[in-house]
Amino acid sequence: MEEIFKEIEGYEGLYQVSNLGRVKSLNRFIYKNNGTIQSLKGKIRAMHPDNNNYIRVSLSKNGKFVLKLVHRLVAEAFIPNPENKPEIDHINADRKDNRVEKLQWVTHQENVNNPLTISKYKANTGRIVSNETREKLSQIVKKRFSDKNYKLKNNLKYYQKEINELDNSEEINNILNKNT
């Protein structure tokens, strides 16, 4: 497949993302505070997995650095989203595979119902979780995070302690043991 690069929205003239899931910086000039001009040559950016194995890349603009999810950059640049679906599913359940043909826009429910994701969960935990159980777990998570502006913050690192406690909670284990 031929690699095609497109501008990253909000970073036009600075960075591009490809249909193969790579991000590159573009040739540009930076004006320093001391009045000098520095020439930067464009290059493929280094990318690293986060704690959940999603690949991130660091982008900078006007001296501010931001970590971006590569699969979201690819989807926003290459995949139309006429239904305005909020999530991106890795069709093959491989969070490190950000090729455009392996991504699709989905609702949250469609995302958690990906059969490969479910089988991957089963392989890692030895449990098959029914849709009913998944919905109960979802309600518990929403209830636990409702007082913490979860929708506004939506930062897993911020909630890592709560997620770990939730994962090991008796309430969750009881539901899983009854409904797997």
C-alpha atoms as a PDB file:
ATOM      1  CA  MET A   1       0.000   0.000   0.000  1.00  0.00           C
ATOM      2  CA  GLU A   2       1.265   3.455  -0.898  1.00  0.00           C
ATOM      3  CA  GLU A   3       1.864   5.739   2.075  1.00  0.00           C
ATOM      4  CA  ILE A   4      -0.157   8.948   1.890  1.00  0.00           C
ATOM      5  CA  PHE A   5       0.392  11.861   4.290  1.00  0.00           C
ATOM      6  CA  LYS A   6      -2.252  14.432   5.262  1.00  0.00           C
ATOM      7  CA  GLU A   7      -2.085  17.543   7.435  1.00  0.00           C
ATOM      8  CA  ILE A   8      -2.981  17.151  11.118  1.00  0.00           C
ATOM      9  CA  GLU A   9      -5.860  19.470  11.990  1.00  0.00           C
ATOM     10  CA  GLY A  10      -4.632  22.273  14.208  1.00  0.00           C
ATOM     11  CA  TYR A  11      -1.020  21.583  13.230  1.00  0.00           C
ATOM     12  CA  GLU A  12      -1.157  22.485   9.538  1.00  0.00           C
ATOM     13  CA  GLY A  13       2.309  23.240   8.152  1.00  0.00           C
ATOM     14  CA  LEU A  14       3.920  21.557  11.173  1.00  0.00           C
ATOM     15  CA  TYR A  15       2.956  17.864  11.151  1.00  0.00           C
ATOM     16  CA  GLN A  16       1.343  15.255   8.925  1.00  0.00           C
ATOM     17  CA  VAL A  17      -0.073  11.792   9.612  1.00  0.00           C
ATOM     18  CA  SER A  18      -0.047   8.882   7.170  1.00  0.00           C
ATOM     19  CA  ASN A  19      -2.541   6.166   6.293  1.00  0.00           C
ATOM     20  CA  LEU A  20       0.037   3.697   7.691  1.00  0.00           C
ATOM     21  CA  GLY A  21      -0.045   5.302  11.134  1.00  0.00           C
ATOM     22  CA  ARG A  22       3.182   7.286  10.988  1.00  0.00           C
ATOM     23  CA  VAL A  23       3.557  10.949  11.932  1.00  0.00           C
ATOM     24  CA  LYS A  24       6.150  13.302  10.497  1.00  0.00           C
ATOM     25  CA  SER A  25       7.201  16.843  11.206  1.00  0.00           C
ATOM     26  CA  LEU A  26       7.644  19.202   8.254  1.00  0.00           C
ATOM     27  CA  ASN A  27      10.598  21.415   7.363  1.00  0.00           C
ATOM     28  CA  ARG A  28      10.152  24.747   9.093  1.00  0.00           C
ATOM     29  CA  PHE A  29      11.807  27.745  10.703  1.00  0.00           C
ATOM     30  CA  ILE A  30      11.574  28.540  14.409  1.00  0.00           C
ATOM     31  CA  TYR A  31      11.973  32.085  15.641  1.00  0.00           C
ATOM     32  CA  LYS A  32      13.817  32.057  18.984  1.00  0.00           C
ATOM     33  CA  ASN A  33      13.333  34.539  21.832  1.00  0.00           C
ATOM     34  CA  ASN A  34      16.860  35.860  21.312  1.00  0.00           C
ATOM     35  CA  GLY A  35      15.948  36.971  17.774  1.00  0.00           C
ATOM     36  CA  THR A  36      17.687  34.136  15.903  1.00  0.00           C
ATOM     37  CA  ILE A  37      16.033  31.830  13.390  1.00  0.00           C
ATOM     38  CA  GLN A  38      16.550  28.084  13.526  1.00  0.00           C
ATOM     39  CA  SER A  39      15.884  25.782  10.583  1.00  0.00           C
ATOM     40  CA  LEU A  40      14.346  22.401  11.446  1.00  0.00           C
ATOM     41  CA  LYS A  41      14.331  19.521   8.998  1.00  0.00           C
ATOM     42  CA  GLY A  42      11.206  17.381   8.908  1.00  0.00           C
ATOM     43  CA  LYS A  43      11.405  13.766  10.092  1.00  0.00           C
ATOM     44  CA  ILE A  44       9.312  10.793  11.130  1.00  0.00           C
ATOM     45  CA  ARG A  45       8.379  11.299  14.775  1.00  0.00           C
ATOM     46  CA  ALA A  46       9.153   8.773  17.500  1.00  0.00           C
ATOM     47  CA  MET A  47       6.020   7.213  18.956  1.00  0.00           C
ATOM     48  CA  HIS A  48       5.568   5.399  22.254  1.00  0.00           C
ATOM     49  CA  PRO A  49       2.866   3.269  23.876  1.00  0.00           C
ATOM     50  CA  ASP A  50       1.032   4.658  26.881  1.00  0.00           C
ATOM     51  CA  ASN A  51      -0.007   2.579  29.913  1.00  0.00           C
ATOM     52  CA  ASN A  52      -2.890   1.085  27.897  1.00  0.00           C
ATOM     53  CA  ASN A  53      -0.719   0.223  24.867  1.00  0.00           C
ATOM     54  CA  TYR A  54      -2.199   2.983  22.686  1.00  0.00           C
ATOM     55  CA  ILE A  55       0.497   4.660  20.601  1.00  0.00           C
ATOM     56  CA  ARG A  56       1.074   8.365  21.304  1.00  0.00           C
ATOM     57  CA  VAL A  57       3.168  11.010  19.635  1.00  0.00           C
ATOM     58  CA  SER A  58       4.355  14.350  20.982  1.00  0.00           C
ATOM     59  CA  LEU A  59       3.482  17.421  18.897  1.00  0.00           C
ATOM     60  CA  SER A  60       4.465  21.000  19.629  1.00  0.00           C
ATOM     61  CA  LYS A  61       3.045  24.325  18.561  1.00  0.00           C
ATOM     62  CA  ASN A  62       3.983  27.758  19.841  1.00  0.00           C
ATOM     63  CA  GLY A  63       6.263  26.199  22.461  1.00  0.00           C
ATOM     64  CA  LYS A  64       3.554  23.929  23.921  1.00  0.00           C
ATOM     65  CA  PHE A  65       3.905  20.155  23.751  1.00  0.00           C
ATOM     66  CA  VAL A  66       0.869  17.850  23.563  1.00  0.00           C
ATOM     67  CA  LEU A  67       0.652  14.050  23.463  1.00  0.00           C
ATOM     68  CA  LYS A  68      -1.796  12.821  20.808  1.00  0.00           C
ATOM     69  CA  LEU A  69      -3.191   9.336  20.175  1.00  0.00           C
ATOM     70  CA  VAL A  70      -1.994   8.210  16.757  1.00  0.00           C
ATOM     71  CA  HIS A  71      -5.100   6.149  15.950  1.00  0.00           C
ATOM     72  CA  ARG A  72      -7.247   9.255  16.510  1.00  0.00           C
ATOM     73  CA  LEU A  73      -5.005  11.356  14.236  1.00  0.00           C
ATOM     74  CA  VAL A  74      -5.246   8.707  11.488  1.00  0.00           C
ATOM     75  CA  ALA A  75      -9.026   8.390  11.802  1.00  0.00           C
ATOM     76  CA  GLU A  76      -9.590  12.155  11.839  1.00  0.00           C
ATOM     77  CA  ALA A  77      -7.439  12.599   8.727  1.00  0.00           C
ATOM     78  CA  PHE A  78      -8.572   9.609   6.641  1.00  0.00           C
ATOM     79  CA  ILE A  79     -11.907   8.167   7.806  1.00  0.00           C
ATOM     80  CA  PRO A  80     -15.149  10.101   7.292  1.00  0.00           C
ATOM     81  CA  ASN A  81     -17.357  10.226  10.386  1.00  0.00           C
ATOM     82  CA  PRO A  82     -20.799  11.342   9.110  1.00  0.00           C
ATOM     83  CA  GLU A  83     -22.595   9.896  12.154  1.00  0.00           C
ATOM     84  CA  ASN A  84     -20.229  11.746  14.518  1.00  0.00           C
ATOM     85  CA  LYS A  85     -19.325   8.561  16.411  1.00  0.00           C
ATOM     86  CA  PRO A  86     -17.039   9.322  19.364  1.00  0.00           C
ATOM     87  CA  GLU A  87     -14.658   6.347  19.512  1.00  0.00           C
ATOM     88  CA  ILE A  88     -12.234   4.608  17.201  1.00  0.00           C
ATOM     89  CA  ASP A  89     -12.115   0.816  17.171  1.00  0.00           C
ATOM     90  CA  HIS A  90      -8.994  -1.144  16.306  1.00  0.00           C
ATOM     91  CA  ILE A  91     -10.790  -3.723  14.161  1.00  0.00           C
ATOM     92  CA  ASN A  92      -8.074  -6.335  14.781  1.00  0.00           C
ATOM     93  CA  ALA A  93      -7.909  -5.425  18.531  1.00  0.00           C
ATOM     94  CA  ASP A  94      -4.201  -4.512  18.154  1.00  0.00           C
ATOM     95  CA  ARG A  95      -3.783  -1.093  19.749  1.00  0.00           C
ATOM     96  CA  LYS A  96      -0.364  -0.709  18.154  1.00  0.00           C
ATOM     97  CA  ASP A  97      -1.703  -1.195  14.603  1.00  0.00           C
ATOM     98  CA  ASN A  98      -2.779   2.261  13.453  1.00  0.00           C
ATOM     99  CA  ARG A  99      -3.121   1.607   9.722  1.00  0.00           C
ATOM    100  CA  VAL A 100      -6.249   3.248   8.337  1.00  0.00           C
ATOM    101  CA  GLU A 101      -7.740  -0.053   7.138  1.00  0.00           C
ATOM    102  CA  LYS A 102      -7.574  -1.404  10.707  1.00  0.00           C
ATOM    103  CA  LEU A 103      -9.545   1.492  12.237  1.00  0.00           C
ATOM    104  CA  GLN A 104     -13.219   2.500  12.226  1.00  0.00           C
ATOM    105  CA  TRP A 105     -15.417   5.080  13.953  1.00  0.00           C
ATOM    106  CA  VAL A 106     -17.797   3.454  16.471  1.00  0.00           C
ATOM    107  CA  THR A 107     -20.056   4.142  19.417  1.00  0.00           C
ATOM    108  CA  HIS A 108     -18.869   3.026  22.840  1.00  0.00           C
ATOM    109  CA  GLN A 109     -21.184   0.006  22.704  1.00  0.00           C
ATOM    110  CA  GLU A 110     -19.884  -1.019  19.272  1.00  0.00           C
ATOM    111  CA  ASN A 111     -16.330  -0.658  20.550  1.00  0.00           C
ATOM    112  CA  VAL A 112     -16.783  -2.951  23.563  1.00  0.00           C
ATOM    113  CA  ASN A 113     -18.679  -5.492  21.438  1.00  0.00           C
ATOM    114  CA  ASN A 114     -15.792  -6.048  18.998  1.00  0.00           C
ATOM    115  CA  PRO A 115     -15.504  -9.874  18.981  1.00  0.00           C
ATOM    116  CA  LEU A 116     -11.702  -9.752  18.800  1.00  0.00           C
ATOM    117  CA  THR A 117     -11.543  -7.446  21.816  1.00  0.00           C
ATOM    118  CA  ILE A 118     -13.823  -9.802  23.730  1.00  0.00           C
ATOM    119  CA  SER A 119     -11.730 -12.856  22.783  1.00  0.00           C
ATOM    120  CA  LYS A 120      -8.531 -10.979  23.705  1.00  0.00           C
ATOM    121  CA  TYR A 121     -10.055 -10.186  27.129  1.00  0.00           C
ATOM    122  CA  LYS A 122     -10.980 -13.841  27.529  1.00  0.00           C
ATOM    123  CA  ALA A 123      -7.443 -14.922  26.618  1.00  0.00           C
ATOM    124  CA  ASN A 124      -5.951 -12.510  29.183  1.00  0.00           C
ATOM    125  CA  THR A 125      -8.386 -13.239  32.017  1.00  0.00           C
ATOM    126  CA  GLY A 126      -9.838 -16.661  31.244  1.00  0.00           C
ATOM    127  CA  ARG A 127     -13.347 -15.166  31.460  1.00  0.00           C
ATOM    128  CA  ILE A 128     -16.060 -14.579  28.918  1.00  0.00           C
ATOM    129  CA  VAL A 129     -18.101 -11.555  29.897  1.00  0.00           C
ATOM    130  CA  SER A 130     -21.710 -11.371  28.726  1.00  0.00           C
ATOM    131  CA  ASN A 131     -23.309  -8.192  27.382  1.00  0.00           C
ATOM    132  CA  GLU A 132     -25.424  -8.023  30.546  1.00  0.00           C
ATOM    133  CA  THR A 133     -22.303  -8.192  32.725  1.00  0.00           C
ATOM    134  CA  ARG A 134     -20.514  -5.627  30.597  1.00  0.00           C
ATOM    135  CA  GLU A 135     -23.487  -3.258  31.017  1.00  0.00           C
ATOM    136  CA  LYS A 136     -23.495  -3.757  34.812  1.00  0.00           C
ATOM    137  CA  LEU A 137     -19.770  -3.015  34.935  1.00  0.00           C
ATOM    138  CA  SER A 138     -20.268   0.064  32.780  1.00  0.00           C
ATOM    139  CA  GLN A 139     -22.950   1.356  35.183  1.00  0.00           C
ATOM    140  CA  ILE A 140     -20.645   0.828  38.176  1.00  0.00           C
ATOM    141  CA  VAL A 141     -17.832   2.723  36.454  1.00  0.00           C
ATOM    142  CA  LYS A 142     -20.164   5.598  35.550  1.00  0.00           C
ATOM    143  CA  LYS A 143     -21.472   5.722  39.135  1.00  0.00           C
ATOM    144  CA  ARG A 144     -17.980   5.697  40.655  1.00  0.00           C
ATOM    145  CA  PHE A 145     -16.668   8.454  38.388  1.00  0.00           C
ATOM    146  CA  SER A 146     -19.800  10.640  38.273  1.00  0.00           C
ATOM    147  CA  ASP A 147     -18.674  12.774  41.216  1.00  0.00           C
ATOM    148  CA  LYS A 148     -15.258  13.421  39.683  1.00  0.00           C
ATOM    149  CA  ASN A 149     -16.220  15.157  36.433  1.00  0.00           C
ATOM    150  CA  TYR A 150     -15.111  12.053  34.515  1.00  0.00           C
ATOM    151  CA  LYS A 151     -16.605  13.298  31.249  1.00  0.00           C
ATOM    152  CA  LEU A 152     -14.748  16.586  31.540  1.00  0.00           C
ATOM    153  CA  LYS A 153     -11.388  15.188  32.610  1.00  0.00           C
ATOM    154  CA  ASN A 154     -11.468  11.726  30.947  1.00  0.00           C
ATOM    155  CA  ASN A 155      -7.806  11.133  31.762  1.00  0.00           C
ATOM    156  CA  LEU A 156      -6.998   7.534  32.660  1.00  0.00           C
ATOM    157  CA  LYS A 157      -3.768   8.453  34.442  1.00  0.00           C
ATOM    158  CA  TYR A 158      -5.743  10.769  36.718  1.00  0.00           C
ATOM    159  CA  TYR A 159      -8.125   7.927  37.570  1.00  0.00           C
ATOM    160  CA  GLN A 160      -5.555   5.093  37.657  1.00  0.00           C
ATOM    161  CA  LYS A 161      -5.861   4.633  41.443  1.00  0.00           C
ATOM    162  CA  GLU A 162      -9.659   4.450  41.219  1.00  0.00           C
ATOM    163  CA  ILE A 163      -9.495   2.103  38.221  1.00  0.00           C
ATOM    164  CA  ASN A 164      -7.121  -0.245  40.069  1.00  0.00           C
ATOM    165  CA  GLU A 165      -9.388  -0.217  43.131  1.00  0.00           C
ATOM    166  CA  LEU A 166     -12.441  -0.797  40.954  1.00  0.00           C
ATOM    167  CA  ASP A 167     -10.736  -3.656  39.111  1.00  0.00           C
ATOM    168  CA  ASN A 168     -10.011  -5.419  42.410  1.00  0.00           C
ATOM    169  CA  SER A 169     -13.269  -4.542  44.143  1.00  0.00           C
ATOM    170  CA  GLU A 170     -15.523  -7.172  45.638  1.00  0.00           C
ATOM    171  CA  GLU A 171     -18.508  -5.644  43.803  1.00  0.00           C
ATOM    172  CA  ILE A 172     -16.862  -6.211  40.394  1.00  0.00           C
ATOM    173  CA  ASN A 173     -15.634  -9.705  41.256  1.00  0.00           C
ATOM    174  CA  ASN A 174     -19.121 -10.718  42.448  1.00  0.00           C
ATOM    175  CA  ILE A 175     -20.671  -9.593  39.162  1.00  0.00           C
ATOM    176  CA  LEU A 176     -17.997 -11.333  37.086  1.00  0.00           C
ATOM    177  CA  ASN A 177     -18.244 -14.580  39.058  1.00  0.00           C
ATOM    178  CA  LYS A 178     -22.054 -14.673  38.701  1.00  0.00           C
ATOM    179  CA  ASN A 179     -22.269 -13.665  35.053  1.00  0.00           C
ATOM    180  CA  THR A 180     -19.246 -14.977  33.168  1.00  0.00           C
END
